[in-house]
């Protein structure tokens, strides 16, 4: 059974950085063609896509509004996908989720409708 678990959230001052982790269980990242994506949901707002990484070709993709301060990466040995966020702003305050879908093609999508396995989320609060 595919399971995802986020960690690394917390309270951060504006301008700071965080690295979020998404640990996977039930499958080996390097052995199956899964796409892992990161999303966030702020209070009162829709869940929005940030970035994704494909196991086929190790291709990454970012939502247009998320380019520049977000970096996704993967460590196959640790079965973990990371999201690094730099120059944090108060508007980055949200619950951050990782999610997965299976795909045999190169590339990945940050569209929420593609994903069928979700983690529980980790809270990121940016405040002074």
Foldseek 3Di string as FASTA:
>chain_A
DKAKAKDWADEAAAQAKTKMKIAIPPDQLLPFFKKKWKWWDDPPGDIFTAKIFTSVVRDIDGDPVNPDFWDWDDDRVRNMIMIMGGRDDQVVWTWMKMFMAGDPDPDDDRDPVRTDYIYPTDTHGYHD
